[in-house]
Structures are given as structure tokens and as C-alpha cells.
Amino acid sequence: MAGDYHRAAMARSRVLTVWLPVVAWAAVIFAFSSVPHLGTGLGTWDTVLRKGAHVTEYAILGALLYRAVGREATALAAGIAYAATDELHQFFVRGRHASPVDVAIDAVGLAFGMLVWLRVRER
């Protein structure tokens, strides 16, 4: 009986330590996607900065998903699915638009984050 209790407690602890960061970071991405206008007025640099932000925020999500799931394909598929739903969400935000190109950019970020996580974990 005591062993069952400890296994259940460890499972709950793993959920909190592994999945809570994924959910929290997804909420951060959702919050950024809810901002109506993210333009900086810097012309071309505005585009570069926004696309760089896509790669960065999804690289973090990719690392967190890979850490939580432990399987490359599953983590990447979950991340791309989230990116697609995030673009759908932006479709309904005034001043924003949905773009399949952004989903592709997000997928690059996811893969990069997963690669970084894999390299850091190997050390």
C-alpha cells in the first residue's frame, strides 16, 4: 500500500514538473497572440523581429514538449497542432491574421528547440 501511494505521488509530481511548464508556456504564446497589433514601425526589421519571435517562442515550446513527451515525432506533431490552433486563434483577433507560413516558421522553431534540448540533455 505504501508503495502505491508513493508511486501515485511521484506521478502527480511528474505531471506538475513536466507538464505545467508546457501549459504555462502555451498560455504565454496564447496571450501574445491575443495582442491586436504587434508592429514596431521598423519596416523590414519589424517582420524580422516578429518572425524571430515566432521561432524563439516555439523553440521554447519544442524543448518543453520534447522534455515532457520524450518522443521526437509526438512532440513535433503536438507543437505543430498547437501552432495551427494558435494561427486559427489569431484569425479572430482584430489586427492579426492567420498564416500557414507562420505555422511553418513555428515548426522550424519547434525542431530547433527539440534539437537544443537533446544536445543539452546529452551533456
N, C-alpha and C. Protein backbone atom coordinates (compact mmCIF):
# COMPACT_ATOMS: atom_id res chain seq x y z
N MET A 1 0.81 -1.19 0.00
CA MET A 1 0.00 0.00 0.00
C MET A 1 0.86 1.26 0.00
N ALA A 2 1.88 1.29 0.83
CA ALA A 2 2.72 2.49 0.90
C ALA A 2 3.42 2.72 -0.43
N GLY A 3 3.82 1.65 -1.12
CA GLY A 3 4.47 1.78 -2.41
C GLY A 3 3.53 2.38 -3.45
N ASP A 4 2.26 1.99 -3.41
CA ASP A 4 1.27 2.55 -4.34
C ASP A 4 1.10 4.04 -4.12
N TYR A 5 1.07 4.45 -2.85
CA TYR A 5 0.91 5.86 -2.52
C TYR A 5 2.08 6.67 -3.06
N HIS A 6 3.29 6.16 -2.86
CA HIS A 6 4.49 6.88 -3.32
C HIS A 6 4.55 6.94 -4.85
N ARG A 7 4.16 5.86 -5.51
CA ARG A 7 4.13 5.88 -6.99
C ARG A 7 3.12 6.91 -7.49
N ALA A 8 1.97 6.97 -6.87
CA ALA A 8 0.94 7.94 -7.27
C ALA A 8 1.42 9.36 -7.00
N ALA A 9 2.08 9.57 -5.87
CA ALA A 9 2.60 10.90 -5.55
C ALA A 9 3.68 11.31 -6.54
N MET A 10 4.54 10.37 -6.94
CA MET A 10 5.59 10.68 -7.91
C MET A 10 4.97 10.98 -9.28
N ALA A 11 3.91 10.27 -9.65
CA ALA A 11 3.24 10.52 -10.92
C ALA A 11 2.63 11.92 -10.93
N ARG A 12 2.00 12.32 -9.84
CA ARG A 12 1.44 13.68 -9.74
C ARG A 12 2.55 14.71 -9.79
N SER A 13 3.65 14.43 -9.12
CA SER A 13 4.79 15.35 -9.13
C SER A 13 5.34 15.50 -10.54
N ARG A 14 5.43 14.40 -11.28
CA ARG A 14 5.93 14.46 -12.66
C ARG A 14 5.01 15.29 -13.53
N VAL A 15 3.72 15.13 -13.35
CA VAL A 15 2.76 15.93 -14.12
C VAL A 15 3.01 17.41 -13.87
N LEU A 16 3.20 17.77 -12.62
CA LEU A 16 3.42 19.18 -12.31
C LEU A 16 4.75 19.69 -12.84
N THR A 17 5.81 18.93 -12.63
CA THR A 17 7.13 19.42 -13.01
C THR A 17 7.39 19.35 -14.50
N VAL A 18 6.72 18.45 -15.22
CA VAL A 18 6.97 18.28 -16.65
C VAL A 18 5.89 18.96 -17.50
N TRP A 19 4.64 18.81 -17.14
CA TRP A 19 3.57 19.34 -17.98
C TRP A 19 3.15 20.76 -17.64
N LEU A 20 3.30 21.18 -16.38
CA LEU A 20 2.92 22.54 -16.03
C LEU A 20 3.71 23.58 -16.84
N PRO A 21 5.02 23.42 -17.03
CA PRO A 21 5.73 24.39 -17.88
C PRO A 21 5.22 24.42 -19.33
N VAL A 22 4.83 23.27 -19.86
CA VAL A 22 4.28 23.23 -21.23
C VAL A 22 3.00 24.05 -21.29
N VAL A 23 2.11 23.80 -20.36
CA VAL A 23 0.82 24.50 -20.34
C VAL A 23 1.03 25.99 -20.10
N ALA A 24 1.92 26.33 -19.18
CA ALA A 24 2.19 27.74 -18.89
C ALA A 24 2.76 28.46 -20.10
N TRP A 25 3.71 27.82 -20.81
CA TRP A 25 4.31 28.46 -21.97
C TRP A 25 3.28 28.58 -23.11
N ALA A 26 2.44 27.57 -23.28
CA ALA A 26 1.37 27.66 -24.28
C ALA A 26 0.44 28.83 -23.97
N ALA A 27 0.20 29.08 -22.69
CA ALA A 27 -0.63 30.22 -22.28
C ALA A 27 0.07 31.54 -22.61
N VAL A 28 1.38 31.59 -22.45
CA VAL A 28 2.14 32.80 -22.81
C VAL A 28 2.00 33.06 -24.32
N ILE A 29 2.16 32.02 -25.12
CA ILE A 29 2.01 32.15 -26.57
C ILE A 29 0.60 32.64 -26.90
N PHE A 30 -0.40 32.06 -26.26
CA PHE A 30 -1.79 32.47 -26.49
C PHE A 30 -1.98 33.94 -26.14
N ALA A 31 -1.38 34.37 -25.03
CA ALA A 31 -1.50 35.78 -24.62
C ALA A 31 -0.87 36.71 -25.66
N PHE A 32 0.32 36.36 -26.16
CA PHE A 32 0.95 37.18 -27.20
C PHE A 32 0.07 37.22 -28.45
N SER A 33 -0.55 36.10 -28.77
CA SER A 33 -1.40 36.04 -29.96
C SER A 33 -2.68 36.86 -29.80
N SER A 34 -3.02 37.20 -28.59
CA SER A 34 -4.23 37.98 -28.33
C SER A 34 -4.00 39.48 -28.47
N VAL A 35 -2.74 39.90 -28.58
CA VAL A 35 -2.42 41.32 -28.72
C VAL A 35 -2.78 41.75 -30.15
N PRO A 36 -3.64 42.77 -30.30
CA PRO A 36 -4.12 43.14 -31.62
C PRO A 36 -3.03 43.59 -32.61
N HIS A 37 -2.14 44.42 -32.21
CA HIS A 37 -1.14 44.94 -33.14
C HIS A 37 0.23 44.82 -32.49
N LEU A 38 1.12 44.07 -33.13
CA LEU A 38 2.47 43.90 -32.58
C LEU A 38 3.52 44.62 -33.42
N GLY A 39 3.10 45.48 -34.32
CA GLY A 39 4.05 46.19 -35.17
C GLY A 39 4.91 47.16 -34.38
N THR A 40 6.16 47.27 -34.80
CA THR A 40 7.09 48.20 -34.15
C THR A 40 7.31 49.45 -34.96
N GLY A 41 6.84 49.43 -36.22
CA GLY A 41 7.05 50.57 -37.10
C GLY A 41 8.46 50.63 -37.67
N LEU A 42 9.17 49.51 -37.63
CA LEU A 42 10.55 49.48 -38.10
C LEU A 42 10.69 48.92 -39.52
N GLY A 43 9.59 48.83 -40.25
CA GLY A 43 9.65 48.34 -41.62
C GLY A 43 10.06 46.88 -41.70
N THR A 44 11.10 46.63 -42.48
CA THR A 44 11.59 45.26 -42.68
C THR A 44 12.02 44.63 -41.37
N TRP A 45 12.64 45.43 -40.51
CA TRP A 45 13.07 44.91 -39.21
C TRP A 45 11.88 44.42 -38.38
N ASP A 46 10.73 45.06 -38.57
CA ASP A 46 9.53 44.62 -37.87
C ASP A 46 9.21 43.17 -38.21
N THR A 47 9.27 42.86 -39.50
CA THR A 47 9.00 41.49 -39.94
C THR A 47 10.04 40.52 -39.40
N VAL A 48 11.30 40.91 -39.47
CA VAL A 48 12.38 40.06 -38.97
C VAL A 48 12.19 39.79 -37.47
N LEU A 49 11.87 40.83 -36.72
CA LEU A 49 11.68 40.67 -35.28
C LEU A 49 10.48 39.77 -34.96
N ARG A 50 9.37 39.97 -35.68
CA ARG A 50 8.19 39.14 -35.41
C ARG A 50 8.43 37.68 -35.77
N LYS A 51 9.08 37.42 -36.89
CA LYS A 51 9.35 36.03 -37.28
C LYS A 51 10.38 35.40 -36.35
N GLY A 52 11.34 36.20 -35.91
CA GLY A 52 12.31 35.72 -34.91
C GLY A 52 11.62 35.37 -33.59
N ALA A 53 10.61 36.17 -33.24
CA ALA A 53 9.85 35.88 -32.03
C ALA A 53 9.09 34.56 -32.18
N HIS A 54 8.54 34.31 -33.38
CA HIS A 54 7.87 33.03 -33.64
C HIS A 54 8.83 31.86 -33.39
N VAL A 55 10.01 31.95 -33.98
CA VAL A 55 10.99 30.86 -33.84
C VAL A 55 11.36 30.68 -32.37
N THR A 56 11.60 31.77 -31.68
CA THR A 56 12.03 31.70 -30.28
C THR A 56 10.95 31.12 -29.37
N GLU A 57 9.73 31.62 -29.49
CA GLU A 57 8.68 31.13 -28.59
C GLU A 57 8.36 29.66 -28.86
N TYR A 58 8.43 29.25 -30.12
CA TYR A 58 8.16 27.85 -30.42
C TYR A 58 9.36 26.95 -30.17
N ALA A 59 10.57 27.50 -30.18
CA ALA A 59 11.74 26.70 -29.79
C ALA A 59 11.62 26.33 -28.31
N ILE A 60 11.18 27.29 -27.51
CA ILE A 60 10.98 27.01 -26.09
C ILE A 60 9.89 25.96 -25.92
N LEU A 61 8.78 26.12 -26.65
CA LEU A 61 7.71 25.13 -26.57
C LEU A 61 8.20 23.76 -27.03
N GLY A 62 9.00 23.72 -28.09
CA GLY A 62 9.53 22.45 -28.59
C GLY A 62 10.38 21.74 -27.55
N ALA A 63 11.25 22.49 -26.88
CA ALA A 63 12.09 21.89 -25.84
C ALA A 63 11.23 21.36 -24.69
N LEU A 64 10.24 22.15 -24.29
CA LEU A 64 9.37 21.72 -23.19
C LEU A 64 8.53 20.49 -23.57
N LEU A 65 8.01 20.48 -24.79
CA LEU A 65 7.23 19.33 -25.23
C LEU A 65 8.09 18.07 -25.33
N TYR A 66 9.27 18.23 -25.89
CA TYR A 66 10.16 17.07 -26.02
C TYR A 66 10.54 16.54 -24.64
N ARG A 67 10.78 17.44 -23.71
CA ARG A 67 11.10 17.05 -22.33
C ARG A 67 9.93 16.28 -21.71
N ALA A 68 8.72 16.73 -21.99
CA ALA A 68 7.53 16.11 -21.40
C ALA A 68 7.18 14.79 -22.06
N VAL A 69 7.26 14.73 -23.39
CA VAL A 69 6.82 13.56 -24.13
C VAL A 69 7.93 12.54 -24.28
N GLY A 70 9.13 13.01 -24.58
CA GLY A 70 10.27 12.12 -24.75
C GLY A 70 10.37 11.47 -26.12
N ARG A 71 9.49 11.82 -27.03
CA ARG A 71 9.50 11.26 -28.39
C ARG A 71 9.45 12.41 -29.38
N GLU A 72 10.38 12.39 -30.33
CA GLU A 72 10.51 13.50 -31.27
C GLU A 72 9.24 13.72 -32.09
N ALA A 73 8.75 12.67 -32.74
CA ALA A 73 7.61 12.82 -33.63
C ALA A 73 6.36 13.29 -32.89
N THR A 74 6.14 12.75 -31.71
CA THR A 74 4.96 13.13 -30.93
C THR A 74 5.05 14.58 -30.48
N ALA A 75 6.21 14.97 -29.99
CA ALA A 75 6.40 16.35 -29.54
C ALA A 75 6.25 17.32 -30.71
N LEU A 76 6.84 16.99 -31.86
CA LEU A 76 6.75 17.86 -33.03
C LEU A 76 5.30 17.95 -33.52
N ALA A 77 4.60 16.83 -33.57
CA ALA A 77 3.20 16.83 -34.02
C ALA A 77 2.32 17.66 -33.08
N ALA A 78 2.53 17.51 -31.78
CA ALA A 78 1.75 18.28 -30.80
C ALA A 78 2.04 19.77 -30.95
N GLY A 79 3.31 20.11 -31.15
CA GLY A 79 3.68 21.51 -31.30
C GLY A 79 3.11 22.12 -32.56
N ILE A 80 3.14 21.38 -33.66
CA ILE A 80 2.58 21.89 -34.92
C ILE A 80 1.06 22.03 -34.79
N ALA A 81 0.43 21.09 -34.13
CA ALA A 81 -1.02 21.21 -33.91
C ALA A 81 -1.33 22.46 -33.10
N TYR A 82 -0.52 22.73 -32.08
CA TYR A 82 -0.74 23.94 -31.28
C TYR A 82 -0.51 25.19 -32.13
N ALA A 83 0.53 25.17 -32.96
CA ALA A 83 0.82 26.32 -33.83
C ALA A 83 -0.36 26.58 -34.76
N ALA A 84 -0.95 25.53 -35.31
CA ALA A 84 -2.10 25.69 -36.20
C ALA A 84 -3.29 26.29 -35.46
N THR A 85 -3.55 25.81 -34.25
CA THR A 85 -4.66 26.37 -33.47
C THR A 85 -4.37 27.81 -33.06
N ASP A 86 -3.10 28.12 -32.83
CA ASP A 86 -2.72 29.50 -32.50
C ASP A 86 -2.98 30.43 -33.68
N GLU A 87 -2.68 29.97 -34.89
CA GLU A 87 -2.97 30.78 -36.07
C GLU A 87 -4.48 30.94 -36.25
N LEU A 88 -5.25 29.89 -35.99
CA LEU A 88 -6.70 29.99 -36.05
C LEU A 88 -7.19 31.03 -35.05
N HIS A 89 -6.63 31.01 -33.85
CA HIS A 89 -6.98 32.00 -32.83
C HIS A 89 -6.69 33.41 -33.34
N GLN A 90 -5.54 33.61 -33.98
CA GLN A 90 -5.19 34.94 -34.48
C GLN A 90 -6.15 35.43 -35.56
N PHE A 91 -6.76 34.52 -36.28
CA PHE A 91 -7.73 34.88 -37.30
C PHE A 91 -8.87 35.71 -36.70
N PHE A 92 -9.19 35.45 -35.42
CA PHE A 92 -10.29 36.12 -34.76
C PHE A 92 -9.85 37.34 -33.94
N VAL A 93 -8.57 37.67 -33.95
CA VAL A 93 -8.06 38.82 -33.21
C VAL A 93 -7.93 39.99 -34.18
N ARG A 94 -8.58 41.11 -33.86
CA ARG A 94 -8.52 42.30 -34.71
C ARG A 94 -7.07 42.74 -34.90
N GLY A 95 -6.71 43.02 -36.14
CA GLY A 95 -5.35 43.46 -36.44
C GLY A 95 -4.37 42.33 -36.67
N ARG A 96 -4.80 41.10 -36.51
CA ARG A 96 -3.95 39.93 -36.73
C ARG A 96 -4.53 39.12 -37.88
N HIS A 97 -3.75 38.20 -38.39
CA HIS A 97 -4.24 37.31 -39.45
C HIS A 97 -3.60 35.94 -39.28
N ALA A 98 -4.27 34.96 -39.82
CA ALA A 98 -3.75 33.58 -39.77
C ALA A 98 -2.87 33.35 -40.99
N SER A 99 -1.76 32.64 -40.80
CA SER A 99 -0.85 32.40 -41.91
C SER A 99 -0.25 31.00 -41.82
N PRO A 100 -0.41 30.20 -42.86
CA PRO A 100 0.24 28.89 -42.87
C PRO A 100 1.77 29.02 -42.88
N VAL A 101 2.27 30.13 -43.40
CA VAL A 101 3.72 30.36 -43.38
C VAL A 101 4.21 30.47 -41.93
N ASP A 102 3.42 31.11 -41.08
CA ASP A 102 3.79 31.20 -39.67
C ASP A 102 3.81 29.83 -39.00
N VAL A 103 2.90 28.94 -39.39
CA VAL A 103 2.91 27.58 -38.83
C VAL A 103 4.22 26.89 -39.23
N ALA A 104 4.65 27.10 -40.47
CA ALA A 104 5.92 26.51 -40.92
C ALA A 104 7.10 27.10 -40.15
N ILE A 105 7.08 28.40 -39.92
CA ILE A 105 8.14 29.05 -39.14
C ILE A 105 8.12 28.50 -37.71
N ASP A 106 6.93 28.33 -37.15
CA ASP A 106 6.81 27.75 -35.81
C ASP A 106 7.37 26.34 -35.77
N ALA A 107 7.13 25.56 -36.83
CA ALA A 107 7.65 24.18 -36.89
C ALA A 107 9.17 24.17 -36.89
N VAL A 108 9.77 25.15 -37.58
CA VAL A 108 11.24 25.27 -37.55
C VAL A 108 11.69 25.56 -36.12
N GLY A 109 11.00 26.46 -35.45
CA GLY A 109 11.33 26.77 -34.06
C GLY A 109 11.18 25.56 -33.17
N LEU A 110 10.11 24.80 -33.34
CA LEU A 110 9.89 23.58 -32.55
C LEU A 110 11.05 22.61 -32.73
N ALA A 111 11.43 22.36 -33.98
CA ALA A 111 12.53 21.42 -34.27
C ALA A 111 13.84 21.93 -33.67
N PHE A 112 14.07 23.22 -33.77
CA PHE A 112 15.29 23.79 -33.20
C PHE A 112 15.32 23.63 -31.68
N GLY A 113 14.21 23.91 -31.03
CA GLY A 113 14.14 23.76 -29.58
C GLY A 113 14.33 22.32 -29.13
N MET A 114 13.76 21.40 -29.90
CA MET A 114 13.92 19.98 -29.58
C MET A 114 15.38 19.56 -29.74
N LEU A 115 16.03 20.06 -30.78
CA LEU A 115 17.43 19.75 -31.01
C LEU A 115 18.30 20.29 -29.88
N VAL A 116 18.04 21.51 -29.47
CA VAL A 116 18.80 22.10 -28.35
C VAL A 116 18.59 21.29 -27.10
N TRP A 117 17.32 20.90 -26.80
CA TRP A 117 17.05 20.10 -25.60
C TRP A 117 17.80 18.77 -25.65
N LEU A 118 17.83 18.14 -26.82
CA LEU A 118 18.52 16.88 -26.97
C LEU A 118 20.01 17.06 -26.71
N ARG A 119 20.61 18.11 -27.23
CA ARG A 119 22.04 18.38 -27.04
C ARG A 119 22.37 18.67 -25.58
N VAL A 120 21.53 19.47 -24.94
CA VAL A 120 21.76 19.82 -23.53
C VAL A 120 21.63 18.57 -22.66
N ARG A 121 20.66 17.73 -22.97
CA ARG A 121 20.43 16.53 -22.18
C ARG A 121 21.57 15.52 -22.31
N GLU A 122 22.24 15.51 -23.47
CA GLU A 122 23.33 14.56 -23.69
C GLU A 122 24.58 14.90 -22.86
N ARG A 123 24.69 16.10 -22.41
CA ARG A 123 25.88 16.51 -21.65
C ARG A 123 25.96 15.86 -20.32
